[in-house]
PDB file of all heavy atoms in Angstrom:
ATOM      1  N   LEU A   1      65.230  95.953 124.407  1.00  0.00           N
ATOM      2  CA  LEU A   1      64.799  97.351 124.399  1.00  0.00           C
ATOM      3  C   LEU A   1      66.002  98.288 124.384  1.00  0.00           C
ATOM      4  O   LEU A   1      65.986  99.322 123.706  1.00  0.00           O
ATOM      5  CB  LEU A   1      63.920  97.637 125.621  1.00  0.00           C
ATOM      6  CG  LEU A   1      63.421  99.074 125.793  1.00  0.00           C
ATOM      7  CD1 LEU A   1      62.631  99.542 124.576  1.00  0.00           C
ATOM      8  CD2 LEU A   1      62.565  99.202 127.058  1.00  0.00           C
ATOM      9  N   LEU A   2      67.051  97.916 125.101  1.00  0.00           N
ATOM     10  CA  LEU A   2      68.266  98.726 125.126  1.00  0.00           C
ATOM     11  C   LEU A   2      68.897  98.779 123.743  1.00  0.00           C
ATOM     12  O   LEU A   2      69.353  99.831 123.293  1.00  0.00           O
ATOM     13  CB  LEU A   2      69.247  98.144 126.143  1.00  0.00           C
ATOM     14  CG  LEU A   2      70.474  98.993 126.499  1.00  0.00           C
ATOM     15  CD1 LEU A   2      70.062 100.356 127.030  1.00  0.00           C
ATOM     16  CD2 LEU A   2      71.347  98.268 127.516  1.00  0.00           C
ATOM     17  N   ASN A   3      68.906  97.648 123.041  1.00  0.00           N
ATOM     18  CA  ASN A   3      69.412  97.622 121.663  1.00  0.00           C
ATOM     19  C   ASN A   3      68.541  98.481 120.747  1.00  0.00           C
ATOM     20  O   ASN A   3      69.057  99.193 119.879  1.00  0.00           O
ATOM     21  CB  ASN A   3      69.466  96.185 121.144  1.00  0.00           C
ATOM     22  CG  ASN A   3      70.766  95.486 121.501  1.00  0.00           C
ATOM     23  OD1 ASN A   3      71.793  95.687 120.871  1.00  0.00           O
ATOM     24  ND2 ASN A   3      70.716  94.679 122.552  1.00  0.00           N
ATOM     25  N   ASP A   4      67.237  98.414 120.938  1.00  0.00           N
ATOM     26  CA  ASP A   4      66.333  99.227 120.122  1.00  0.00           C
ATOM     27  C   ASP A   4      66.591 100.710 120.349  1.00  0.00           C
ATOM     28  O   ASP A   4      66.608 101.506 119.399  1.00  0.00           O
ATOM     29  CB  ASP A   4      64.874  98.898 120.463  1.00  0.00           C
ATOM     30  CG  ASP A   4      63.889  99.736 119.664  1.00  0.00           C
ATOM     31  OD1 ASP A   4      63.714  99.465 118.462  1.00  0.00           O
ATOM     32  OD2 ASP A   4      63.314 100.690 120.237  1.00  0.00           O
ATOM     33  N   LEU A   5      66.802 101.100 121.594  1.00  0.00           N
ATOM     34  CA  LEU A   5      67.062 102.505 121.932  1.00  0.00           C
ATOM     35  C   LEU A   5      68.312 103.011 121.214  1.00  0.00           C
ATOM     36  O   LEU A   5      68.295 104.088 120.599  1.00  0.00           O
ATOM     37  CB  LEU A   5      67.226 102.652 123.443  1.00  0.00           C
ATOM     38  CG  LEU A   5      67.679 104.032 123.951  1.00  0.00           C
ATOM     39  CD1 LEU A   5      66.647 105.096 123.617  1.00  0.00           C
ATOM     40  CD2 LEU A   5      67.943 103.993 125.457  1.00  0.00           C
ATOM     41  N   TRP A   6      69.385 102.232 121.252  1.00  0.00           N
ATOM     42  CA  TRP A   6      70.647 102.674 120.675  1.00  0.00           C
ATOM     43  C   TRP A   6      70.688 102.541 119.158  1.00  0.00           C
ATOM     44  O   TRP A   6      71.168 103.440 118.467  1.00  0.00           O
ATOM     45  CB  TRP A   6      71.812 101.896 121.291  1.00  0.00           C
ATOM     46  CG  TRP A   6      72.198 102.374 122.654  1.00  0.00           C
ATOM     47  CD1 TRP A   6      71.860 101.812 123.848  1.00  0.00           C
ATOM     48  CD2 TRP A   6      72.976 103.532 122.974  1.00  0.00           C
ATOM     49  NE1 TRP A   6      72.382 102.535 124.893  1.00  0.00           N
ATOM     50  CE2 TRP A   6      73.073 103.595 124.389  1.00  0.00           C
ATOM     51  CE3 TRP A   6      73.603 104.512 122.217  1.00  0.00           C
ATOM     52  CZ2 TRP A   6      73.775 104.605 125.038  1.00  0.00           C
ATOM     53  CZ3 TRP A   6      74.307 105.523 122.870  1.00  0.00           C
ATOM     54  CH2 TRP A   6      74.386 105.559 124.254  1.00  0.00           C
ATOM     55  N   ILE A   7      70.173 101.435 118.637  1.00  0.00           N
ATOM     56  CA  ILE A   7      70.327 101.143 117.206  1.00  0.00           C
ATOM     57  C   ILE A   7      69.222 101.755 116.354  1.00  0.00           C
ATOM     58  O   ILE A   7      69.488 102.352 115.303  1.00  0.00           O
ATOM     59  CB  ILE A   7      70.381  99.614 116.987  1.00  0.00           C
ATOM     60  CG1 ILE A   7      71.603  99.026 117.712  1.00  0.00           C
ATOM     61  CG2 ILE A   7      70.438  99.285 115.492  1.00  0.00           C
ATOM     62  CD1 ILE A   7      71.640  97.506 117.740  1.00  0.00           C
ATOM     63  N   HIS A   8      67.986 101.628 116.799  1.00  0.00           N
ATOM     64  CA  HIS A   8      66.865 102.077 115.967  1.00  0.00           C
ATOM     65  C   HIS A   8      66.401 103.500 116.286  1.00  0.00           C
ATOM     66  O   HIS A   8      65.679 104.096 115.500  1.00  0.00           O
ATOM     67  CB  HIS A   8      65.682 101.111 116.114  1.00  0.00           C
ATOM     68  CG  HIS A   8      65.993  99.730 115.638  1.00  0.00           C
ATOM     69  ND1 HIS A   8      65.784  98.609 116.415  1.00  0.00           N
ATOM     70  CD2 HIS A   8      66.540  99.287 114.484  1.00  0.00           C
ATOM     71  CE1 HIS A   8      66.164  97.531 115.739  1.00  0.00           C
ATOM     72  NE2 HIS A   8      66.636  97.930 114.570  1.00  0.00           N
ATOM     73  N   GLN A   9      66.816 104.026 117.430  1.00  0.00           N
ATOM     74  CA  GLN A   9      66.407 105.385 117.779  1.00  0.00           C
ATOM     75  C   GLN A   9      67.589 106.353 117.714  1.00  0.00           C
ATOM     76  O   GLN A   9      67.619 107.250 116.868  1.00  0.00           O
ATOM     77  CB  GLN A   9      65.763 105.390 119.172  1.00  0.00           C
ATOM     78  CG  GLN A   9      64.491 104.549 119.256  1.00  0.00           C
ATOM     79  CD  GLN A   9      63.863 104.557 120.634  1.00  0.00           C
ATOM     80  OE1 GLN A   9      63.649 105.603 121.244  1.00  0.00           O
ATOM     81  NE2 GLN A   9      63.552 103.381 121.150  1.00  0.00           N
ATOM     82  N   ILE A  10      68.572 106.172 118.593  1.00  0.00           N
ATOM     83  CA  ILE A  10      69.687 107.120 118.655  1.00  0.00           C
ATOM     84  C   ILE A  10      70.534 107.080 117.391  1.00  0.00           C
ATOM     85  O   ILE A  10      70.866 108.125 116.817  1.00  0.00           O
ATOM     86  CB  ILE A  10      70.553 106.843 119.893  1.00  0.00           C
ATOM     87  CG1 ILE A  10      69.738 107.065 121.167  1.00  0.00           C
ATOM     88  CG2 ILE A  10      71.790 107.745 119.894  1.00  0.00           C
ATOM     89  CD1 ILE A  10      70.458 106.676 122.443  1.00  0.00           C
ATOM     90  N   ALA A  11      70.893 105.882 116.918  1.00  0.00           N
ATOM     91  CA  ALA A  11      71.757 105.772 115.736  1.00  0.00           C
ATOM     92  C   ALA A  11      71.090 106.371 114.504  1.00  0.00           C
ATOM     93  O   ALA A  11      71.719 107.075 113.721  1.00  0.00           O
ATOM     94  CB  ALA A  11      72.131 104.310 115.483  1.00  0.00           C
ATOM     95  N   ARG A  12      69.806 106.102 114.333  1.00  0.00           N
ATOM     96  CA  ARG A  12      69.111 106.569 113.135  1.00  0.00           C
ATOM     97  C   ARG A  12      68.744 108.047 113.194  1.00  0.00           C
ATOM     98  O   ARG A  12      68.809 108.758 112.193  1.00  0.00           O
ATOM     99  CB  ARG A  12      67.841 105.740 112.925  1.00  0.00           C
ATOM    100  CG  ARG A  12      68.125 104.298 112.527  1.00  0.00           C
ATOM    101  CD  ARG A  12      66.839 103.523 112.307  1.00  0.00           C
ATOM    102  NE  ARG A  12      67.109 102.134 111.932  1.00  0.00           N
ATOM    103  CZ  ARG A  12      66.164 101.229 111.735  1.00  0.00           C
ATOM    104  NH1 ARG A  12      64.892 101.568 111.863  1.00  0.00           N
ATOM    105  NH2 ARG A  12      66.491  99.989 111.405  1.00  0.00           N
ATOM    106  N   ASN A  13      68.368 108.509 114.377  1.00  0.00           N
ATOM    107  CA  ASN A  13      67.838 109.873 114.482  1.00  0.00           C
ATOM    108  C   ASN A  13      68.786 110.852 115.171  1.00  0.00           C
ATOM    109  O   ASN A  13      68.491 112.047 115.231  1.00  0.00           O
ATOM    110  CB  ASN A  13      66.497 109.844 115.218  1.00  0.00           C
ATOM    111  CG  ASN A  13      65.489 108.940 114.540  1.00  0.00           C
ATOM    112  OD1 ASN A  13      65.400 108.912 113.317  1.00  0.00           O
ATOM    113  ND2 ASN A  13      64.736 108.185 115.325  1.00  0.00           N
ATOM    114  N   GLY A  14      69.879 110.364 115.721  1.00  0.00           N
ATOM    115  CA  GLY A  14      70.857 111.250 116.330  1.00  0.00           C
ATOM    116  C   GLY A  14      70.540 111.634 117.761  1.00  0.00           C
ATOM    117  O   GLY A  14      69.636 111.085 118.402  1.00  0.00           O
ATOM    118  N   VAL A  15      71.270 112.619 118.248  1.00  0.00           N
ATOM    119  CA  VAL A  15      71.190 113.002 119.665  1.00  0.00           C
ATOM    120  C   VAL A  15      69.865 113.635 120.039  1.00  0.00           C
ATOM    121  O   VAL A  15      69.531 113.724 121.226  1.00  0.00           O
ATOM    122  CB  VAL A  15      72.342 113.959 120.031  1.00  0.00           C
ATOM    123  CG1 VAL A  15      73.693 113.311 119.781  1.00  0.00           C
ATOM    124  CG2 VAL A  15      72.232 115.281 119.256  1.00  0.00           C
ATOM    125  N   SER A  16      69.073 114.064 119.056  1.00  0.00           N
ATOM    126  CA  SER A  16      67.779 114.674 119.360  1.00  0.00           C
ATOM    127  C   SER A  16      66.835 113.683 120.022  1.00  0.00           C
ATOM    128  O   SER A  16      65.830 114.083 120.611  1.00  0.00           O
ATOM    129  CB  SER A  16      67.133 115.233 118.086  1.00  0.00           C
ATOM    130  OG  SER A  16      66.938 114.203 117.128  1.00  0.00           O
ATOM    131  N   GLU A  17      67.144 112.383 119.955  1.00  0.00           N
ATOM    132  CA  GLU A  17      66.362 111.380 120.673  1.00  0.00           C
ATOM    133  C   GLU A  17      66.554 111.520 122.180  1.00  0.00           C
ATOM    134  O   GLU A  17      65.734 111.051 122.959  1.00  0.00           O
ATOM    135  CB  GLU A  17      66.772 109.966 120.234  1.00  0.00           C
ATOM    136  CG  GLU A  17      66.269 109.560 118.871  1.00  0.00           C
ATOM    137  CD  GLU A  17      64.773 109.267 118.859  1.00  0.00           C
ATOM    138  OE1 GLU A  17      64.237 108.854 119.904  1.00  0.00           O
ATOM    139  OE2 GLU A  17      64.145 109.463 117.799  1.00  0.00           O
ATOM    140  N   ILE A  18      67.637 112.192 122.575  1.00  0.00           N
ATOM    141  CA  ILE A  18      67.972 112.328 123.989  1.00  0.00           C
ATOM    142  C   ILE A  18      67.873 113.766 124.473  1.00  0.00           C
ATOM    143  O   ILE A  18      67.438 114.033 125.587  1.00  0.00           O
ATOM    144  CB  ILE A  18      69.395 111.785 124.252  1.00  0.00           C
ATOM    145  CG1 ILE A  18      69.472 110.314 123.858  1.00  0.00           C
ATOM    146  CG2 ILE A  18      69.791 111.978 125.714  1.00  0.00           C
ATOM    147  CD1 ILE A  18      68.536 109.400 124.628  1.00  0.00           C
ATOM    148  N   TYR A  19      68.281 114.735 123.630  1.00  0.00           N
ATOM    149  CA  TYR A  19      68.235 116.133 124.076  1.00  0.00           C
ATOM    150  C   TYR A  19      68.026 117.091 122.915  1.00  0.00           C
ATOM    151  O   TYR A  19      68.275 116.762 121.756  1.00  0.00           O
ATOM    152  CB  TYR A  19      69.507 116.506 124.848  1.00  0.00           C
ATOM    153  CG  TYR A  19      70.772 116.613 124.012  1.00  0.00           C
ATOM    154  CD1 TYR A  19      71.134 117.808 123.389  1.00  0.00           C
ATOM    155  CD2 TYR A  19      71.632 115.523 123.864  1.00  0.00           C
ATOM    156  CE1 TYR A  19      72.294 117.918 122.637  1.00  0.00           C
ATOM    157  CE2 TYR A  19      72.798 115.618 123.123  1.00  0.00           C
ATOM    158  CZ  TYR A  19      73.128 116.814 122.512  1.00  0.00           C
ATOM    159  OH  TYR A  19      74.277 116.910 121.775  1.00  0.00           O
ATOM    160  N   THR A  20      67.537 118.272 123.241  1.00  0.00           N
ATOM    161  CA  THR A  20      67.431 119.387 122.304  1.00  0.00           C
ATOM    162  C   THR A  20      68.291 120.523 122.837  1.00  0.00           C
ATOM    163  O   THR A  20      68.685 120.530 124.002  1.00  0.00           O
ATOM    164  CB  THR A  20      65.970 119.860 122.163  1.00  0.00           C
ATOM    165  OG1 THR A  20      65.489 120.270 123.463  1.00  0.00           O
ATOM    166  CG2 THR A  20      65.088 118.734 121.630  1.00  0.00           C
ATOM    167  N   SER A  21      68.592 121.494 121.966  1.00  0.00           N
ATOM    168  CA  SER A  21      69.464 122.578 122.418  1.00  0.00           C
ATOM    169  C   SER A  21      69.367 123.788 121.501  1.00  0.00           C
ATOM    170  O   SER A  21      69.189 123.643 120.288  1.00  0.00           O
ATOM    171  CB  SER A  21      70.919 122.093 122.469  1.00  0.00           C
ATOM    172  OG  SER A  21      71.797 123.145 122.845  1.00  0.00           O
ATOM    173  N   ASP A  22      69.496 124.962 122.114  1.00  0.00           N
ATOM    174  CA  ASP A  22      69.600 126.203 121.359  1.00  0.00           C
ATOM    175  C   ASP A  22      71.061 126.533 121.038  1.00  0.00           C
ATOM    176  O   ASP A  22      71.330 127.501 120.335  1.00  0.00           O
ATOM    177  CB  ASP A  22      69.003 127.368 122.165  1.00  0.00           C
ATOM    178  CG  ASP A  22      67.517 127.179 122.448  1.00  0.00           C
ATOM    179  OD1 ASP A  22      66.839 126.574 121.611  1.00  0.00           O
ATOM    180  OD2 ASP A  22      67.049 127.642 123.512  1.00  0.00           O
ATOM    181  N   PHE A  23      71.975 125.739 121.585  1.00  0.00           N
ATOM    182  CA  PHE A  23      73.409 126.004 121.436  1.00  0.00           C
ATOM    183  C   PHE A  23      74.135 124.928 120.642  1.00  0.00           C
ATOM    184  O   PHE A  23      75.221 125.163 120.122  1.00  0.00           O
ATOM    185  CB  PHE A  23      74.071 126.114 122.814  1.00  0.00           C
ATOM    186  CG  PHE A  23      73.524 127.218 123.671  1.00  0.00           C
ATOM    187  CD1 PHE A  23      72.432 127.007 124.489  1.00  0.00           C
ATOM    188  CD2 PHE A  23      74.104 128.476 123.659  1.00  0.00           C
ATOM    189  CE1 PHE A  23      71.929 128.016 125.290  1.00  0.00           C
ATOM    190  CE2 PHE A  23      73.612 129.501 124.453  1.00  0.00           C
ATOM    191  CZ  PHE A  23      72.512 129.273 125.269  1.00  0.00           C
ATOM    192  N   ILE A  24      73.573 123.713 120.587  1.00  0.00           N
ATOM    193  CA  ILE A  24      74.223 122.580 119.923  1.00  0.00           C
ATOM    194  C   ILE A  24      73.392 122.166 118.715  1.00  0.00           C
ATOM    195  O   ILE A  24      72.159 122.087 118.791  1.00  0.00           O
ATOM    196  CB  ILE A  24      74.364 121.387 120.886  1.00  0.00           C
ATOM    197  CG1 ILE A  24      75.164 121.793 122.127  1.00  0.00           C
ATOM    198  CG2 ILE A  24      75.031 120.208 120.188  1.00  0.00           C
ATOM    199  CD1 ILE A  24      75.201 120.728 123.204  1.00  0.00           C
ATOM    200  N   ASP A  25      74.059 121.892 117.617  1.00  0.00           N
ATOM    201  CA  ASP A  25      73.369 121.431 116.406  1.00  0.00           C
ATOM    202  C   ASP A  25      73.046 119.942 116.560  1.00  0.00           C
ATOM    203  O   ASP A  25      73.887 119.074 116.302  1.00  0.00           O
ATOM    204  CB  ASP A  25      74.248 121.663 115.179  1.00  0.00           C
ATOM    205  CG  ASP A  25      73.544 121.285 113.884  1.00  0.00           C
ATOM    206  OD1 ASP A  25      72.365 120.881 113.951  1.00  0.00           O
ATOM    207  OD2 ASP A  25      74.169 121.394 112.817  1.00  0.00           O
ATOM    208  N   THR A  26      71.827 119.635 116.995  1.00  0.00           N
ATOM    209  CA  THR A  26      71.433 118.248 117.244  1.00  0.00           C
ATOM    210  C   THR A  26      71.135 117.491 115.945  1.00  0.00           C
ATOM    211  O   THR A  26      70.926 116.274 115.977  1.00  0.00           O
ATOM    212  CB  THR A  26      70.201 118.182 118.160  1.00  0.00           C
ATOM    213  OG1 THR A  26      69.137 118.946 117.581  1.00  0.00           O
ATOM    214  CG2 THR A  26      70.523 118.753 119.536  1.00  0.00           C
ATOM    215  N   SER A  27      71.095 118.198 114.824  1.00  0.00           N
ATOM    216  CA  SER A  27      70.870 117.531 113.542  1.00  0.00           C
ATOM    217  C   SER A  27      72.176 117.160 112.846  1.00  0.00           C
ATOM    218  O   SER A  27      72.172 116.489 111.815  1.00  0.00           O
ATOM    219  CB  SER A  27      70.046 118.435 112.613  1.00  0.00           C
ATOM    220  OG  SER A  27      70.771 119.607 112.276  1.00  0.00           O
ATOM    221  N   SER A  28      73.312 117.575 113.434  1.00  0.00           N
ATOM    222  CA  SER A  28      74.611 117.310 112.836  1.00  0.00           C
ATOM    223  C   SER A  28      74.923 115.811 112.829  1.00  0.00           C
ATOM    224  O   SER A  28      74.630 115.100 113.792  1.00  0.00           O
ATOM    225  CB  SER A  28      75.714 118.049 113.604  1.00  0.00           C
ATOM    226  OG  SER A  28      76.991 117.660 113.159  1.00  0.00           O
ATOM    227  N   LYS A  29      75.524 115.338 111.746  1.00  0.00           N
ATOM    228  CA  LYS A  29      75.938 113.946 111.633  1.00  0.00           C
ATOM    229  C   LYS A  29      77.437 113.796 111.905  1.00  0.00           C
ATOM    230  O   LYS A  29      78.027 112.745 111.649  1.00  0.00           O
ATOM    231  CB  LYS A  29      75.620 113.408 110.238  1.00  0.00           C
ATOM    232  CG  LYS A  29      74.139 113.450 109.873  1.00  0.00           C
ATOM    233  CD  LYS A  29      73.296 112.608 110.819  1.00  0.00           C
ATOM    234  CE  LYS A  29      71.824 112.630 110.419  1.00  0.00           C
ATOM    235  NZ  LYS A  29      70.993 111.841 111.364  1.00  0.00           N
ATOM    236  N   SER A  30      78.052 114.846 112.423  1.00  0.00           N
ATOM    237  CA  SER A  30      79.488 114.838 112.682  1.00  0.00           C
ATOM    238  C   SER A  30      79.815 113.959 113.884  1.00  0.00           C
ATOM    239  O   SER A  30      78.967 113.679 114.737  1.00  0.00           O
ATOM    240  CB  SER A  30      79.977 116.265 112.941  1.00  0.00           C
ATOM    241  OG  SER A  30      81.319 116.268 113.393  1.00  0.00           O
ATOM    242  N   ASP A  31      81.092 113.525 113.951  1.00  0.00           N
ATOM    243  CA  ASP A  31      81.575 112.766 115.101  1.00  0.00           C
ATOM    244  C   ASP A  31      81.928 113.683 116.263  1.00  0.00           C
ATOM    245  O   ASP A  31      82.251 113.200 117.348  1.00  0.00           O
ATOM    246  CB  ASP A  31      82.815 111.945 114.723  1.00  0.00           C
ATOM    247  CG  ASP A  31      82.488 110.837 113.745  1.00  0.00           C
ATOM    248  OD1 ASP A  31      81.297 110.654 113.423  1.00  0.00           O
ATOM    249  OD2 ASP A  31      83.429 110.162 113.288  1.00  0.00           O
ATOM    250  N   LYS A  32      81.887 114.993 116.012  1.00  0.00           N
ATOM    251  CA  LYS A  32      82.203 115.974 117.038  1.00  0.00           C
ATOM    252  C   LYS A  32      80.989 116.871 117.292  1.00  0.00           C
ATOM    253  O   LYS A  32      80.067 116.947 116.478  1.00  0.00           O
ATOM    254  CB  LYS A  32      83.403 116.840 116.618  1.00  0.00           C
ATOM    255  CG  LYS A  32      84.648 116.042 116.245  1.00  0.00           C
ATOM    256  CD  LYS A  32      85.198 115.257 117.418  1.00  0.00           C
ATOM    257  CE  LYS A  32      86.463 114.483 117.024  1.00  0.00           C
ATOM    258  NZ  LYS A  32      86.998 113.670 118.136  1.00  0.00           N
ATOM    259  N   VAL A  33      80.996 117.567 118.417  1.00  0.00           N
ATOM    260  CA  VAL A  33      79.905 118.474 118.747  1.00  0.00           C
ATOM    261  C   VAL A  33      79.995 119.721 117.885  1.00  0.00           C
ATOM    262  O   VAL A  33      81.058 120.331 117.763  1.00  0.00           O
ATOM    263  CB  VAL A  33      79.955 118.872 120.239  1.00  0.00           C
ATOM    264  CG1 VAL A  33      78.842 119.859 120.567  1.00  0.00           C
ATOM    265  CG2 VAL A  33      79.826 117.633 121.112  1.00  0.00           C
ATOM    266  N   LYS A  34      78.882 120.103 117.273  1.00  0.00           N
ATOM    267  CA  LYS A  34      78.831 121.298 116.436  1.00  0.00           C
ATOM    268  C   LYS A  34      77.983 122.378 117.110  1.00  0.00           C
ATOM    269  O   LYS A  34      76.889 122.107 117.609  1.00  0.00           O
ATOM    270  CB  LYS A  34      78.237 120.959 115.066  1.00  0.00           C
ATOM    271  CG  LYS A  34      79.061 119.971 114.254  1.00  0.00           C
ATOM    272  CD  LYS A  34      80.413 120.553 113.864  1.00  0.00           C
ATOM    273  CE  LYS A  34      81.199 119.597 112.984  1.00  0.00           C
ATOM    274  NZ  LYS A  34      82.520 120.146 112.628  1.00  0.00           N
ATOM    275  N   LEU A  35      78.498 123.617 117.087  1.00  0.00           N
ATOM    276  CA  LEU A  35      77.796 124.738 117.695  1.00  0.00           C
ATOM    277  C   LEU A  35      76.676 125.231 116.791  1.00  0.00           C
ATOM    278  O   LEU A  35      76.807 125.263 115.569  1.00  0.00           O
ATOM    279  CB  LEU A  35      78.783 125.886 117.953  1.00  0.00           C
ATOM    280  CG  LEU A  35      78.221 127.147 118.616  1.00  0.00           C
ATOM    281  CD1 LEU A  35      77.777 126.851 120.037  1.00  0.00           C
ATOM    282  CD2 LEU A  35      79.255 128.259 118.601  1.00  0.00           C
ATOM    283  N   LYS A  36      75.556 125.572 117.410  1.00  0.00           N
ATOM    284  CA  LYS A  36      74.443 126.191 116.701  1.00  0.00           C
ATOM    285  C   LYS A  36      73.827 127.220 117.642  1.00  0.00           C
ATOM    286  O   LYS A  36      73.518 126.913 118.784  1.00  0.00           O
ATOM    287  CB  LYS A  36      73.380 125.151 116.339  1.00  0.00           C
ATOM    288  CG  LYS A  36      72.138 125.760 115.688  1.00  0.00           C
ATOM    289  CD  LYS A  36      70.918 124.856 115.831  1.00  0.00           C
ATOM    290  CE  LYS A  36      70.422 124.845 117.256  1.00  0.00           C
ATOM    291  NZ  LYS A  36      69.155 124.073 117.405  1.00  0.00           N
ATOM    292  N   LEU A  37      73.652 128.444 117.146  1.00  0.00           N
ATOM    293  CA  LEU A  37      73.041 129.478 117.973  1.00  0.00           C
ATOM    294  C   LEU A  37      71.678 129.853 117.405  1.00  0.00           C
ATOM    295  O   LEU A  37      71.596 130.456 116.331  1.00  0.00           O
ATOM    296  CB  LEU A  37      73.943 130.719 118.046  1.00  0.00           C
ATOM    297  CG  LEU A  37      75.215 130.590 118.890  1.00  0.00           C
ATOM    298  CD1 LEU A  37      76.004 131.878 118.834  1.00  0.00           C
ATOM    299  CD2 LEU A  37      74.878 130.232 120.322  1.00  0.00           C
ATOM    300  N   ASP A  38      70.635 129.482 118.105  1.00  0.00           N
ATOM    301  CA  ASP A  38      69.284 129.882 117.732  1.00  0.00           C
ATOM    302  C   ASP A  38      68.976 131.170 118.491  1.00  0.00           C
ATOM    303  O   ASP A  38      68.487 131.155 119.623  1.00  0.00           O
ATOM    304  CB  ASP A  38      68.287 128.787 118.108  1.00  0.00           C
ATOM    305  CG  ASP A  38      66.899 129.042 117.543  1.00  0.00           C
ATOM    306  OD1 ASP A  38      66.559 130.231 117.361  1.00  0.00           O
ATOM    307  OD2 ASP A  38      66.158 128.077 117.304  1.00  0.00           O
ATOM    308  N   LEU A  39      69.317 132.297 117.862  1.00  0.00           N
ATOM    309  CA  LEU A  39      69.249 133.587 118.553  1.00  0.00           C
ATOM    310  C   LEU A  39      67.831 133.935 118.994  1.00  0.00           C
ATOM    311  O   LEU A  39      67.632 134.536 120.057  1.00  0.00           O
ATOM    312  CB  LEU A  39      69.820 134.690 117.658  1.00  0.00           C
ATOM    313  CG  LEU A  39      71.309 134.544 117.324  1.00  0.00           C
ATOM    314  CD1 LEU A  39      71.755 135.676 116.417  1.00  0.00           C
ATOM    315  CD2 LEU A  39      72.138 134.534 118.593  1.00  0.00           C
ATOM    316  N   LYS A  40      66.836 133.579 118.187  1.00  0.00           N
ATOM    317  CA  LYS A  40      65.450 133.871 118.564  1.00  0.00           C
ATOM    318  C   LYS A  40      65.058 133.134 119.835  1.00  0.00           C
ATOM    319  O   LYS A  40      64.428 133.699 120.723  1.00  0.00           O
ATOM    320  CB  LYS A  40      64.517 133.510 117.411  1.00  0.00           C
ATOM    321  CG  LYS A  40      64.610 134.444 116.211  1.00  0.00           C
ATOM    322  CD  LYS A  40      63.564 134.097 115.166  1.00  0.00           C
ATOM    323  CE  LYS A  40      63.634 135.069 113.984  1.00  0.00           C
ATOM    324  NZ  LYS A  40      62.631 134.737 112.944  1.00  0.00           N
ATOM    325  N   GLN A  41      65.444 131.853 119.914  1.00  0.00           N
ATOM    326  CA  GLN A  41      65.111 131.076 121.098  1.00  0.00           C
ATOM    327  C   GLN A  41      65.888 131.558 122.318  1.00  0.00           C
ATOM    328  O   GLN A  41      65.353 131.614 123.430  1.00  0.00           O
ATOM    329  CB  GLN A  41      65.404 129.587 120.849  1.00  0.00           C
ATOM    330  CG  GLN A  41      64.473 128.925 119.856  1.00  0.00           C
ATOM    331  CD  GLN A  41      63.023 128.968 120.314  1.00  0.00           C
ATOM    332  OE1 GLN A  41      62.709 128.802 121.492  1.00  0.00           O
ATOM    333  NE2 GLN A  41      62.129 129.235 119.377  1.00  0.00           N
ATOM    334  N   ILE A  42      67.157 131.915 122.104  1.00  0.00           N
ATOM    335  CA  ILE A  42      67.959 132.429 123.209  1.00  0.00           C
ATOM    336  C   ILE A  42      67.378 133.742 123.712  1.00  0.00           C
ATOM    337  O   ILE A  42      67.307 133.994 124.921  1.00  0.00           O
ATOM    338  CB  ILE A  42      69.419 132.616 122.768  1.00  0.00           C
ATOM    339  CG1 ILE A  42      70.047 131.248 122.460  1.00  0.00           C
ATOM    340  CG2 ILE A  42      70.229 133.333 123.854  1.00  0.00           C
ATOM    341  CD1 ILE A  42      71.427 131.328 121.853  1.00  0.00           C
ATOM    342  N   ALA A  43      66.930 134.597 122.773  1.00  0.00           N
ATOM    343  CA  ALA A  43      66.320 135.870 123.153  1.00  0.00           C
ATOM    344  C   ALA A  43      65.051 135.644 123.965  1.00  0.00           C
ATOM    345  O   ALA A  43      64.780 136.361 124.943  1.00  0.00           O
ATOM    346  CB  ALA A  43      66.009 136.695 121.906  1.00  0.00           C
TER     347      ALA A  43
END
């Protein structure tokens, strides 16, 4: 199950399997953290 979590969920779908954010681009495929500002949600 631990392998499934990391390989088939997190690896394929990214960090959104673990968290969402109005400040971080959870759809980014970068090796680094990318900033995203959802102004409507922040408001």
